[in-house]
Amino acid sequence: MLKGERLKELRKQKGLTQQELGDILGVTKASICCYEKETRTPNMAVILELIEYFGVTADYLIGTDVFTTVKNNSKKSYVVTKEEIEFILELRKDKYVYSVLLEEPLRGIELLKKKIG
């Protein structure tokens, strides 16, 4: 799925409104809004136009530009996006929180849910 925040960032870097980008791509302003909110996925033709217009890769638009594949005992692979890596790096700065989440993920998630509300 297209990463809406990345599309929004690219659009704003070019100084475009949603309407202007929609006009360039031949879609409505509402479509651009939905792409940015990730409630609608553009078709392949629109994705290709976005790649060409902004000069980025498909991996960047869908959030897999930086990834790591990890295999567990059941041989499943997991893709980790750049944002997830950044989150982990920030999390590691707090050694206590990181260790709780790493050693007891379910307990850590429950604590976070209680704290956040």
PDB file of N, CA and C in Angstrom:
ATOM      1  N   MET A   1       0.841  -1.179   0.000  1.00  0.00           N
ATOM      2  CA  MET A   1       0.000   0.000   0.000  1.00  0.00           C
ATOM      3  C   MET A   1       0.885   1.240   0.000  1.00  0.00           C
ATOM      4  N   LEU A   2       0.440   2.258  -0.679  1.00  0.00           N
ATOM      5  CA  LEU A   2       1.132   3.534  -0.752  1.00  0.00           C
ATOM      6  C   LEU A   2       1.222   4.166   0.634  1.00  0.00           C
ATOM      7  N   LYS A   3       2.365   4.724   0.956  1.00  0.00           N
ATOM      8  CA  LYS A   3       2.536   5.418   2.226  1.00  0.00           C
ATOM      9  C   LYS A   3       2.037   6.861   2.066  1.00  0.00           C
ATOM     10  N   GLY A   4       0.904   7.133   2.658  1.00  0.00           N
ATOM     11  CA  GLY A   4       0.261   8.430   2.508  1.00  0.00           C
ATOM     12  C   GLY A   4       1.099   9.595   2.988  1.00  0.00           C
ATOM     13  N   GLU A   5       1.797   9.404   4.130  1.00  0.00           N
ATOM     14  CA  GLU A   5       2.596  10.518   4.652  1.00  0.00           C
ATOM     15  C   GLU A   5       3.743  10.857   3.713  1.00  0.00           C
ATOM     16  N   ARG A   6       4.254   9.862   2.995  1.00  0.00           N
ATOM     17  CA  ARG A   6       5.332  10.126   2.042  1.00  0.00           C
ATOM     18  C   ARG A   6       4.799  10.900   0.828  1.00  0.00           C
ATOM     19  N   LEU A   7       3.638  10.512   0.353  1.00  0.00           N
ATOM     20  CA  LEU A   7       3.034  11.237  -0.761  1.00  0.00           C
ATOM     21  C   LEU A   7       2.775  12.681  -0.364  1.00  0.00           C
ATOM     22  N   LYS A   8       2.223  12.882   0.811  1.00  0.00           N
ATOM     23  CA  LYS A   8       1.937  14.231   1.289  1.00  0.00           C
ATOM     24  C   LYS A   8       3.216  15.057   1.387  1.00  0.00           C
ATOM     25  N   GLU A   9       4.272  14.455   1.910  1.00  0.00           N
ATOM     26  CA  GLU A   9       5.560  15.138   2.032  1.00  0.00           C
ATOM     27  C   GLU A   9       6.109  15.534   0.657  1.00  0.00           C
ATOM     28  N   LEU A  10       6.039  14.626  -0.295  1.00  0.00           N
ATOM     29  CA  LEU A  10       6.516  14.909  -1.649  1.00  0.00           C
ATOM     30  C   LEU A  10       5.704  16.038  -2.285  1.00  0.00           C
ATOM     31  N   ARG A  11       4.385  15.975  -2.107  1.00  0.00           N
ATOM     32  CA  ARG A  11       3.505  17.010  -2.671  1.00  0.00           C
ATOM     33  C   ARG A  11       3.840  18.374  -2.101  1.00  0.00           C
ATOM     34  N   LYS A  12       4.025  18.432  -0.784  1.00  0.00           N
ATOM     35  CA  LYS A  12       4.321  19.712  -0.139  1.00  0.00           C
ATOM     36  C   LYS A  12       5.703  20.233  -0.526  1.00  0.00           C
ATOM     37  N   GLN A  13       6.664  19.323  -0.723  1.00  0.00           N
ATOM     38  CA  GLN A  13       8.001  19.741  -1.156  1.00  0.00           C
ATOM     39  C   GLN A  13       7.943  20.439  -2.504  1.00  0.00           C
ATOM     40  N   LYS A  14       7.013  20.020  -3.351  1.00  0.00           N
ATOM     41  CA  LYS A  14       6.832  20.647  -4.670  1.00  0.00           C
ATOM     42  C   LYS A  14       5.932  21.878  -4.588  1.00  0.00           C
ATOM     43  N   GLY A  15       5.388  22.143  -3.405  1.00  0.00           N
ATOM     44  CA  GLY A  15       4.522  23.305  -3.233  1.00  0.00           C
ATOM     45  C   GLY A  15       3.164  23.149  -3.901  1.00  0.00           C
ATOM     46  N   LEU A  16       2.684  21.925  -3.963  1.00  0.00           N
ATOM     47  CA  LEU A  16       1.415  21.657  -4.636  1.00  0.00           C
ATOM     48  C   LEU A  16       0.283  21.448  -3.655  1.00  0.00           C
ATOM     49  N   THR A  17      -0.899  21.849  -4.045  1.00  0.00           N
ATOM     50  CA  THR A  17      -2.102  21.516  -3.286  1.00  0.00           C
ATOM     51  C   THR A  17      -2.565  20.134  -3.749  1.00  0.00           C
ATOM     52  N   GLN A  18      -3.489  19.560  -3.021  1.00  0.00           N
ATOM     53  CA  GLN A  18      -4.052  18.283  -3.447  1.00  0.00           C
ATOM     54  C   GLN A  18      -4.736  18.427  -4.805  1.00  0.00           C
ATOM     55  N   GLN A  19      -5.405  19.553  -5.016  1.00  0.00           N
ATOM     56  CA  GLN A  19      -6.080  19.807  -6.288  1.00  0.00           C
ATOM     57  C   GLN A  19      -5.079  19.863  -7.436  1.00  0.00           C
ATOM     58  N   GLU A  20      -3.977  20.570  -7.218  1.00  0.00           N
ATOM     59  CA  GLU A  20      -2.961  20.704  -8.273  1.00  0.00           C
ATOM     60  C   GLU A  20      -2.335  19.348  -8.624  1.00  0.00           C
ATOM     61  N   LEU A  21      -2.024  18.552  -7.609  1.00  0.00           N
ATOM     62  CA  LEU A  21      -1.456  17.232  -7.879  1.00  0.00           C
ATOM     63  C   LEU A  21      -2.490  16.352  -8.581  1.00  0.00           C
ATOM     64  N   GLY A  22      -3.731  16.456  -8.154  1.00  0.00           N
ATOM     65  CA  GLY A  22      -4.798  15.699  -8.813  1.00  0.00           C
ATOM     66  C   GLY A  22      -4.910  16.068 -10.285  1.00  0.00           C
ATOM     67  N   ASP A  23      -4.820  17.359 -10.584  1.00  0.00           N
ATOM     68  CA  ASP A  23      -4.889  17.812 -11.975  1.00  0.00           C
ATOM     69  C   ASP A  23      -3.725  17.245 -12.794  1.00  0.00           C
ATOM     70  N   ILE A  24      -2.544  17.218 -12.212  1.00  0.00           N
ATOM     71  CA  ILE A  24      -1.362  16.681 -12.901  1.00  0.00           C
ATOM     72  C   ILE A  24      -1.554  15.198 -13.208  1.00  0.00           C
ATOM     73  N   LEU A  25      -2.121  14.470 -12.250  1.00  0.00           N
ATOM     74  CA  LEU A  25      -2.284  13.022 -12.390  1.00  0.00           C
ATOM     75  C   LEU A  25      -3.581  12.606 -13.081  1.00  0.00           C
ATOM     76  N   GLY A  26      -4.501  13.569 -13.250  1.00  0.00           N
ATOM     77  CA  GLY A  26      -5.787  13.251 -13.867  1.00  0.00           C
ATOM     78  C   GLY A  26      -6.744  12.555 -12.922  1.00  0.00           C
ATOM     79  N   VAL A  27      -6.603  12.863 -11.621  1.00  0.00           N
ATOM     80  CA  VAL A  27      -7.526  12.324 -10.615  1.00  0.00           C
ATOM     81  C   VAL A  27      -8.090  13.489  -9.817  1.00  0.00           C
ATOM     82  N   THR A  28      -9.072  13.220  -8.995  1.00  0.00           N
ATOM     83  CA  THR A  28      -9.697  14.285  -8.227  1.00  0.00           C
ATOM     84  C   THR A  28      -8.887  14.642  -6.983  1.00  0.00           C
ATOM     85  N   LYS A  29      -9.185  15.808  -6.431  1.00  0.00           N
ATOM     86  CA  LYS A  29      -8.583  16.219  -5.166  1.00  0.00           C
ATOM     87  C   LYS A  29      -8.935  15.210  -4.076  1.00  0.00           C
ATOM     88  N   ALA A  30     -10.164  14.710  -4.106  1.00  0.00           N
ATOM     89  CA  ALA A  30     -10.611  13.726  -3.116  1.00  0.00           C
ATOM     90  C   ALA A  30      -9.770  12.456  -3.190  1.00  0.00           C
ATOM     91  N   SER A  31      -9.377  12.057  -4.403  1.00  0.00           N
ATOM     92  CA  SER A  31      -8.532  10.872  -4.556  1.00  0.00           C
ATOM     93  C   SER A  31      -7.177  11.098  -3.890  1.00  0.00           C
ATOM     94  N   ILE A  32      -6.584  12.264  -4.124  1.00  0.00           N
ATOM     95  CA  ILE A  32      -5.290  12.575  -3.510  1.00  0.00           C
ATOM     96  C   ILE A  32      -5.422  12.558  -1.993  1.00  0.00           C
ATOM     97  N   CYS A  33      -6.485  13.145  -1.496  1.00  0.00           N
ATOM     98  CA  CYS A  33      -6.748  13.153  -0.053  1.00  0.00           C
ATOM     99  C   CYS A  33      -6.822  11.717   0.477  1.00  0.00           C
ATOM    100  N   CYS A  34      -7.530  10.867  -0.215  1.00  0.00           N
ATOM    101  CA  CYS A  34      -7.674   9.464   0.210  1.00  0.00           C
ATOM    102  C   CYS A  34      -6.347   8.715   0.132  1.00  0.00           C
ATOM    103  N   TYR A  35      -5.545   9.008  -0.896  1.00  0.00           N
ATOM    104  CA  TYR A  35      -4.224   8.369  -0.988  1.00  0.00           C
ATOM    105  C   TYR A  35      -3.369   8.770   0.209  1.00  0.00           C
ATOM    106  N   GLU A  36      -3.424  10.048   0.570  1.00  0.00           N
ATOM    107  CA  GLU A  36      -2.619  10.545   1.690  1.00  0.00           C
ATOM    108  C   GLU A  36      -3.100   9.990   3.027  1.00  0.00           C
ATOM    109  N   LYS A  37      -4.395   9.765   3.150  1.00  0.00           N
ATOM    110  CA  LYS A  37      -4.955   9.200   4.388  1.00  0.00           C
ATOM    111  C   LYS A  37      -4.907   7.673   4.382  1.00  0.00           C
ATOM    112  N   GLU A  38      -4.484   7.105   3.263  1.00  0.00           N
ATOM    113  CA  GLU A  38      -4.396   5.655   3.070  1.00  0.00           C
ATOM    114  C   GLU A  38      -5.741   4.952   3.184  1.00  0.00           C
ATOM    115  N   THR A  39      -6.800   5.632   2.750  1.00  0.00           N
ATOM    116  CA  THR A  39      -8.115   5.009   2.713  1.00  0.00           C
ATOM    117  C   THR A  39      -8.442   4.501   1.308  1.00  0.00           C
ATOM    118  N   ARG A  40      -7.605   4.856   0.345  1.00  0.00           N
ATOM    119  CA  ARG A  40      -7.758   4.392  -1.034  1.00  0.00           C
ATOM    120  C   ARG A  40      -6.358   4.194  -1.604  1.00  0.00           C
ATOM    121  N   THR A  41      -6.203   3.176  -2.434  1.00  0.00           N
ATOM    122  CA  THR A  41      -4.920   2.902  -3.072  1.00  0.00           C
ATOM    123  C   THR A  41      -5.002   3.281  -4.540  1.00  0.00           C
ATOM    124  N   PRO A  42      -4.030   4.049  -5.023  1.00  0.00           N
ATOM    125  CA  PRO A  42      -4.062   4.417  -6.445  1.00  0.00           C
ATOM    126  C   PRO A  42      -3.815   3.194  -7.327  1.00  0.00           C
ATOM    127  N   ASN A  43      -4.314   3.267  -8.566  1.00  0.00           N
ATOM    128  CA  ASN A  43      -4.052   2.170  -9.494  1.00  0.00           C
ATOM    129  C   ASN A  43      -2.604   2.254  -9.981  1.00  0.00           C
ATOM    130  N   MET A  44      -2.174   1.237 -10.692  1.00  0.00           N
ATOM    131  CA  MET A  44      -0.780   1.141 -11.123  1.00  0.00           C
ATOM    132  C   MET A  44      -0.379   2.321 -12.010  1.00  0.00           C
ATOM    133  N   ALA A  45      -1.272   2.776 -12.874  1.00  0.00           N
ATOM    134  CA  ALA A  45      -0.945   3.897 -13.759  1.00  0.00           C
ATOM    135  C   ALA A  45      -0.638   5.153 -12.943  1.00  0.00           C
ATOM    136  N   VAL A  46      -1.421   5.408 -11.911  1.00  0.00           N
ATOM    137  CA  VAL A  46      -1.199   6.579 -11.062  1.00  0.00           C
ATOM    138  C   VAL A  46       0.101   6.422 -10.277  1.00  0.00           C
ATOM    139  N   ILE A  47       0.362   5.224  -9.774  1.00  0.00           N
ATOM    140  CA  ILE A  47       1.618   4.993  -9.042  1.00  0.00           C
ATOM    141  C   ILE A  47       2.812   5.257  -9.948  1.00  0.00           C
ATOM    142  N   LEU A  48       2.739   4.780 -11.170  1.00  0.00           N
ATOM    143  CA  LEU A  48       3.834   5.012 -12.122  1.00  0.00           C
ATOM    144  C   LEU A  48       4.007   6.505 -12.415  1.00  0.00           C
ATOM    145  N   GLU A  49       2.913   7.221 -12.537  1.00  0.00           N
ATOM    146  CA  GLU A  49       2.998   8.672 -12.748  1.00  0.00           C
ATOM    147  C   GLU A  49       3.624   9.368 -11.541  1.00  0.00           C
ATOM    148  N   LEU A  50       3.260   8.926 -10.328  1.00  0.00           N
ATOM    149  CA  LEU A  50       3.846   9.499  -9.109  1.00  0.00           C
ATOM    150  C   LEU A  50       5.352   9.264  -9.071  1.00  0.00           C
ATOM    151  N   ILE A  51       5.770   8.052  -9.410  1.00  0.00           N
ATOM    152  CA  ILE A  51       7.192   7.706  -9.428  1.00  0.00           C
ATOM    153  C   ILE A  51       7.937   8.620 -10.388  1.00  0.00           C
ATOM    154  N   GLU A  52       7.388   8.768 -11.579  1.00  0.00           N
ATOM    155  CA  GLU A  52       8.038   9.607 -12.593  1.00  0.00           C
ATOM    156  C   GLU A  52       8.025  11.083 -12.200  1.00  0.00           C
ATOM    157  N   TYR A  53       6.882  11.575 -11.754  1.00  0.00           N
ATOM    158  CA  TYR A  53       6.759  12.999 -11.424  1.00  0.00           C
ATOM    159  C   TYR A  53       7.680  13.404 -10.272  1.00  0.00           C
ATOM    160  N   PHE A  54       7.690  12.603  -9.218  1.00  0.00           N
ATOM    161  CA  PHE A  54       8.482  12.962  -8.041  1.00  0.00           C
ATOM    162  C   PHE A  54       9.907  12.429  -8.103  1.00  0.00           C
ATOM    163  N   GLY A  55      10.209  11.558  -9.056  1.00  0.00           N
ATOM    164  CA  GLY A  55      11.555  11.033  -9.183  1.00  0.00           C
ATOM    165  C   GLY A  55      11.964  10.149  -8.020  1.00  0.00           C
ATOM    166  N   VAL A  56      11.026   9.320  -7.554  1.00  0.00           N
ATOM    167  CA  VAL A  56      11.294   8.407  -6.443  1.00  0.00           C
ATOM    168  C   VAL A  56      11.064   6.974  -6.916  1.00  0.00           C
ATOM    169  N   THR A  57      11.420   6.033  -6.084  1.00  0.00           N
ATOM    170  CA  THR A  57      11.201   4.627  -6.428  1.00  0.00           C
ATOM    171  C   THR A  57       9.855   4.153  -5.893  1.00  0.00           C
ATOM    172  N   ALA A  58       9.396   3.046  -6.447  1.00  0.00           N
ATOM    173  CA  ALA A  58       8.176   2.423  -5.933  1.00  0.00           C
ATOM    174  C   ALA A  58       8.387   1.998  -4.486  1.00  0.00           C
ATOM    175  N   ASP A  59       9.591   1.489  -4.183  1.00  0.00           N
ATOM    176  CA  ASP A  59       9.900   1.096  -2.808  1.00  0.00           C
ATOM    177  C   ASP A  59       9.718   2.259  -1.851  1.00  0.00           C
ATOM    178  N   TYR A  60      10.138   3.450  -2.268  1.00  0.00           N
ATOM    179  CA  TYR A  60       9.981   4.621  -1.401  1.00  0.00           C
ATOM    180  C   TYR A  60       8.495   4.907  -1.175  1.00  0.00           C
ATOM    181  N   LEU A  61       7.707   4.886  -2.234  1.00  0.00           N
ATOM    182  CA  LEU A  61       6.283   5.206  -2.108  1.00  0.00           C
ATOM    183  C   LEU A  61       5.516   4.216  -1.242  1.00  0.00           C
ATOM    184  N   ILE A  62       5.919   2.954  -1.261  1.00  0.00           N
ATOM    185  CA  ILE A  62       5.186   1.971  -0.458  1.00  0.00           C
ATOM    186  C   ILE A  62       5.858   1.686   0.883  1.00  0.00           C
ATOM    187  N   GLY A  63       6.992   2.346   1.123  1.00  0.00           N
ATOM    188  CA  GLY A  63       7.619   2.252   2.441  1.00  0.00           C
ATOM    189  C   GLY A  63       8.545   1.080   2.646  1.00  0.00           C
ATOM    190  N   THR A  64       9.025   0.500   1.559  1.00  0.00           N
ATOM    191  CA  THR A  64       9.960  -0.623   1.711  1.00  0.00           C
ATOM    192  C   THR A  64      11.335  -0.272   1.151  1.00  0.00           C
ATOM    193  N   ASP A  65      11.669   1.006   1.162  1.00  0.00           N
ATOM    194  CA  ASP A  65      12.955   1.428   0.621  1.00  0.00           C
ATOM    195  C   ASP A  65      14.124   0.974   1.488  1.00  0.00           C
ATOM    196  N   VAL A  66      13.877   0.820   2.765  1.00  0.00           N
ATOM    197  CA  VAL A  66      14.874   0.266   3.675  1.00  0.00           C
ATOM    198  C   VAL A  66      14.186  -0.884   4.375  1.00  0.00           C
ATOM    199  N   PHE A  67      14.714  -2.057   4.223  1.00  0.00           N
ATOM    200  CA  PHE A  67      14.068  -3.186   4.860  1.00  0.00           C
ATOM    201  C   PHE A  67      15.071  -4.257   5.243  1.00  0.00           C
ATOM    202  N   THR A  68      14.642  -5.071   6.140  1.00  0.00           N
ATOM    203  CA  THR A  68      15.413  -6.207   6.599  1.00  0.00           C
ATOM    204  C   THR A  68      14.492  -7.413   6.594  1.00  0.00           C
ATOM    205  N   THR A  69      14.980  -8.507   6.135  1.00  0.00           N
ATOM    206  CA  THR A  69      14.197  -9.729   6.170  1.00  0.00           C
ATOM    207  C   THR A  69      14.713 -10.587   7.311  1.00  0.00           C
ATOM    208  N   VAL A  70      13.812 -10.960   8.176  1.00  0.00           N
ATOM    209  CA  VAL A  70      14.155 -11.780   9.332  1.00  0.00           C
ATOM    210  C   VAL A  70      13.376 -13.074   9.225  1.00  0.00           C
ATOM    211  N   LYS A  71      14.037 -14.174   9.427  1.00  0.00           N
ATOM    212  CA  LYS A  71      13.338 -15.457   9.373  1.00  0.00           C
ATOM    213  C   LYS A  71      13.285 -16.035  10.776  1.00  0.00           C
ATOM    214  N   ASN A  72      12.109 -16.491  11.139  1.00  0.00           N
ATOM    215  CA  ASN A  72      11.971 -17.158  12.440  1.00  0.00           C
ATOM    216  C   ASN A  72      11.856 -18.660  12.203  1.00  0.00           C
ATOM    217  N   ASN A  73      11.565 -19.385  13.214  1.00  0.00           N
ATOM    218  CA  ASN A  73      11.521 -20.852  13.096  1.00  0.00           C
ATOM    219  C   ASN A  73      10.509 -21.355  12.075  1.00  0.00           C
ATOM    220  N   SER A  74       9.447 -20.597  11.832  1.00  0.00           N
ATOM    221  CA  SER A  74       8.435 -21.052  10.885  1.00  0.00           C
ATOM    222  C   SER A  74       8.731 -20.582   9.461  1.00  0.00           C
ATOM    223  N   LYS A  75       9.884 -19.995   9.253  1.00  0.00           N
ATOM    224  CA  LYS A  75      10.349 -19.577   7.924  1.00  0.00           C
ATOM    225  C   LYS A  75       9.531 -18.445   7.328  1.00  0.00           C
ATOM    226  N   LYS A  76       8.883 -17.643   8.150  1.00  0.00           N
ATOM    227  CA  LYS A  76       8.163 -16.482   7.655  1.00  0.00           C
ATOM    228  C   LYS A  76       9.143 -15.316   7.524  1.00  0.00           C
ATOM    229  N   SER A  77       8.909 -14.471   6.556  1.00  0.00           N
ATOM    230  CA  SER A  77       9.750 -13.293   6.367  1.00  0.00           C
ATOM    231  C   SER A  77       8.964 -12.054   6.743  1.00  0.00           C
ATOM    232  N   TYR A  78       9.654 -11.078   7.288  1.00  0.00           N
ATOM    233  CA  TYR A  78       9.029  -9.833   7.693  1.00  0.00           C
ATOM    234  C   TYR A  78       9.791  -8.679   7.067  1.00  0.00           C
ATOM    235  N   VAL A  79       9.071  -7.715   6.532  1.00  0.00           N
ATOM    236  CA  VAL A  79       9.682  -6.519   5.975  1.00  0.00           C
ATOM    237  C   VAL A  79       9.583  -5.426   7.022  1.00  0.00           C
ATOM    238  N   VAL A  80      10.679  -4.729   7.249  1.00  0.00           N
ATOM    239  CA  VAL A  80      10.721  -3.644   8.217  1.00  0.00           C
ATOM    240  C   VAL A  80      10.973  -2.350   7.442  1.00  0.00           C
ATOM    241  N   THR A  81      10.067  -1.398   7.575  1.00  0.00           N
ATOM    242  CA  THR A  81      10.203  -0.145   6.845  1.00  0.00           C
ATOM    243  C   THR A  81      11.188   0.788   7.526  1.00  0.00           C
ATOM    244  N   LYS A  82      11.549   1.835   6.813  1.00  0.00           N
ATOM    245  CA  LYS A  82      12.454   2.850   7.345  1.00  0.00           C
ATOM    246  C   LYS A  82      11.887   3.469   8.622  1.00  0.00           C
ATOM    247  N   GLU A  83      10.590   3.746   8.632  1.00  0.00           N
ATOM    248  CA  GLU A  83       9.955   4.340   9.807  1.00  0.00           C
ATOM    249  C   GLU A  83      10.021   3.401  11.006  1.00  0.00           C
ATOM    250  N   GLU A  84       9.844   2.124  10.768  1.00  0.00           N
ATOM    251  CA  GLU A  84       9.919   1.155  11.854  1.00  0.00           C
ATOM    252  C   GLU A  84      11.343   1.057  12.409  1.00  0.00           C
ATOM    253  N   ILE A  85      12.316   1.120  11.525  1.00  0.00           N
ATOM    254  CA  ILE A  85      13.708   1.108  11.971  1.00  0.00           C
ATOM    255  C   ILE A  85      13.998   2.348  12.811  1.00  0.00           C
ATOM    256  N   GLU A  86      13.521   3.505  12.364  1.00  0.00           N
ATOM    257  CA  GLU A  86      13.706   4.756  13.128  1.00  0.00           C
ATOM    258  C   GLU A  86      13.051   4.639  14.502  1.00  0.00           C
ATOM    259  N   PHE A  87      11.864   4.021  14.571  1.00  0.00           N
ATOM    260  CA  PHE A  87      11.170   3.814  15.841  1.00  0.00           C
ATOM    261  C   PHE A  87      12.011   2.956  16.779  1.00  0.00           C
ATOM    262  N   ILE A  88      12.538   1.868  16.252  1.00  0.00           N
ATOM    263  CA  ILE A  88      13.365   0.970  17.065  1.00  0.00           C
ATOM    264  C   ILE A  88      14.607   1.685  17.566  1.00  0.00           C
ATOM    265  N   LEU A  89      15.233   2.472  16.709  1.00  0.00           N
ATOM    266  CA  LEU A  89      16.437   3.201  17.126  1.00  0.00           C
ATOM    267  C   LEU A  89      16.124   4.202  18.239  1.00  0.00           C
ATOM    268  N   GLU A  90      14.982   4.867  18.148  1.00  0.00           N
ATOM    269  CA  GLU A  90      14.578   5.787  19.217  1.00  0.00           C
ATOM    270  C   GLU A  90      14.270   5.021  20.487  1.00  0.00           C
ATOM    271  N   LEU A  91      13.605   3.898  20.340  1.00  0.00           N
ATOM    272  CA  LEU A  91      13.245   3.067  21.486  1.00  0.00           C
ATOM    273  C   LEU A  91      14.482   2.571  22.220  1.00  0.00           C
ATOM    274  N   ARG A  92      15.519   2.238  21.491  1.00  0.00           N
ATOM    275  CA  ARG A  92      16.754   1.750  22.096  1.00  0.00           C
ATOM    276  C   ARG A  92      17.433   2.786  22.991  1.00  0.00           C
ATOM    277  N   LYS A  93      17.117   4.048  22.797  1.00  0.00           N
ATOM    278  CA  LYS A  93      17.721   5.103  23.616  1.00  0.00           C
ATOM    279  C   LYS A  93      17.278   5.003  25.072  1.00  0.00           C
ATOM    280  N   ASP A  94      16.094   4.436  25.298  1.00  0.00           N
ATOM    281  CA  ASP A  94      15.617   4.214  26.665  1.00  0.00           C
ATOM    282  C   ASP A  94      15.817   2.738  26.969  1.00  0.00           C
ATOM    283  N   LYS A  95      16.932   2.426  27.569  1.00  0.00           N
ATOM    284  CA  LYS A  95      17.331   1.032  27.778  1.00  0.00           C
ATOM    285  C   LYS A  95      16.311   0.228  28.584  1.00  0.00           C
ATOM    286  N   TYR A  96      15.697   0.856  29.588  1.00  0.00           N
ATOM    287  CA  TYR A  96      14.726   0.123  30.414  1.00  0.00           C
ATOM    288  C   TYR A  96      13.490  -0.243  29.588  1.00  0.00           C
ATOM    289  N   VAL A  97      12.917   0.735  28.922  1.00  0.00           N
ATOM    290  CA  VAL A  97      11.708   0.479  28.130  1.00  0.00           C
ATOM    291  C   VAL A  97      12.015  -0.536  27.029  1.00  0.00           C
ATOM    292  N   TYR A  98      13.138  -0.352  26.388  1.00  0.00           N
ATOM    293  CA  TYR A  98      13.528  -1.267  25.316  1.00  0.00           C
ATOM    294  C   TYR A  98      13.660  -2.698  25.844  1.00  0.00           C
ATOM    295  N   SER A  99      14.299  -2.843  26.995  1.00  0.00           N
ATOM    296  CA  SER A  99      14.494  -4.191  27.533  1.00  0.00           C
ATOM    297  C   SER A  99      13.158  -4.830  27.922  1.00  0.00           C
ATOM    298  N   VAL A 100      12.243  -4.045  28.491  1.00  0.00           N
ATOM    299  CA  VAL A 100      10.923  -4.587  28.847  1.00  0.00           C
ATOM    300  C   VAL A 100      10.193  -5.057  27.593  1.00  0.00           C
ATOM    301  N   LEU A 101      10.200  -4.212  26.572  1.00  0.00           N
ATOM    302  CA  LEU A 101       9.499  -4.570  25.338  1.00  0.00           C
ATOM    303  C   LEU A 101      10.148  -5.766  24.649  1.00  0.00           C
ATOM    304  N   LEU A 102      11.448  -5.825  24.695  1.00  0.00           N
ATOM    305  CA  LEU A 102      12.154  -6.915  24.034  1.00  0.00           C
ATOM    306  C   LEU A 102      11.997  -8.235  24.788  1.00  0.00           C
ATOM    307  N   GLU A 103      12.102  -8.174  26.109  1.00  0.00           N
ATOM    308  CA  GLU A 103      12.026  -9.391  26.914  1.00  0.00           C
ATOM    309  C   GLU A 103      10.600  -9.862  27.139  1.00  0.00           C
ATOM    310  N   GLU A 104       9.676  -8.915  27.296  1.00  0.00           N
ATOM    311  CA  GLU A 104       8.279  -9.254  27.546  1.00  0.00           C
ATOM    312  C   GLU A 104       7.373  -8.388  26.666  1.00  0.00           C
ATOM    313  N   PRO A 105       7.327  -8.683  25.367  1.00  0.00           N
ATOM    314  CA  PRO A 105       6.579  -7.824  24.441  1.00  0.00           C
ATOM    315  C   PRO A 105       5.107  -7.635  24.813  1.00  0.00           C
ATOM    316  N   LEU A 106       4.427  -8.695  25.221  1.00  0.00           N
ATOM    317  CA  LEU A 106       3.005  -8.568  25.562  1.00  0.00           C
ATOM    318  C   LEU A 106       2.806  -7.668  26.769  1.00  0.00           C
ATOM    319  N   ARG A 107       3.653  -7.820  27.787  1.00  0.00           N
ATOM    320  CA  ARG A 107       3.568  -6.960  28.975  1.00  0.00           C
ATOM    321  C   ARG A 107       3.853  -5.512  28.593  1.00  0.00           C
ATOM    322  N   GLY A 108       4.851  -5.308  27.771  1.00  0.00           N
ATOM    323  CA  GLY A 108       5.203  -3.958  27.334  1.00  0.00           C
ATOM    324  C   GLY A 108       4.078  -3.291  26.572  1.00  0.00           C
ATOM    325  N   ILE A 109       3.438  -4.054  25.697  1.00  0.00           N
ATOM    326  CA  ILE A 109       2.304  -3.511  24.930  1.00  0.00           C
ATOM    327  C   ILE A 109       1.156  -3.160  25.849  1.00  0.00           C
ATOM    328  N   GLU A 110       0.867  -4.012  26.812  1.00  0.00           N
ATOM    329  CA  GLU A 110      -0.201  -3.722  27.774  1.00  0.00           C
ATOM    330  C   GLU A 110       0.098  -2.457  28.574  1.00  0.00           C
ATOM    331  N   LEU A 111       1.343  -2.296  29.008  1.00  0.00           N
ATOM    332  CA  LEU A 111       1.736  -1.085  29.737  1.00  0.00           C
ATOM    333  C   LEU A 111       1.570   0.159  28.864  1.00  0.00           C
ATOM    334  N   LEU A 112       1.966   0.049  27.607  1.00  0.00           N
ATOM    335  CA  LEU A 112       1.805   1.181  26.691  1.00  0.00           C
ATOM    336  C   LEU A 112       0.331   1.520  26.466  1.00  0.00           C
ATOM    337  N   LYS A 113      -0.491   0.516  26.316  1.00  0.00           N
ATOM    338  CA  LYS A 113      -1.932   0.736  26.120  1.00  0.00           C
ATOM    339  C   LYS A 113      -2.532   1.456  27.330  1.00  0.00           C
ATOM    340  N   LYS A 114      -2.137   1.038  28.534  1.00  0.00           N
ATOM    341  CA  LYS A 114      -2.652   1.690  29.746  1.00  0.00           C
ATOM    342  C   LYS A 114      -2.204   3.128  29.824  1.00  0.00           C
ATOM    343  N   LYS A 115      -0.956   3.380  29.454  1.00  0.00           N
ATOM    344  CA  LYS A 115      -0.406   4.732  29.525  1.00  0.00           C
ATOM    345  C   LYS A 115      -1.036   5.663  28.493  1.00  0.00           C
ATOM    346  N   ILE A 116      -1.212   5.149  27.281  1.00  0.00           N
ATOM    347  CA  ILE A 116      -1.754   5.952  26.195  1.00  0.00           C
ATOM    348  C   ILE A 116      -3.247   6.174  26.339  1.00  0.00           C
ATOM    349  N   GLY A 117      -3.922   5.175  26.871  1.00  0.00           N
ATOM    350  CA  GLY A 117      -5.358   5.343  27.093  1.00  0.00           C
ATOM    351  C   GLY A 117      -6.116   4.416  26.287  1.00  0.00           C
TER     352      GLY A 117
END
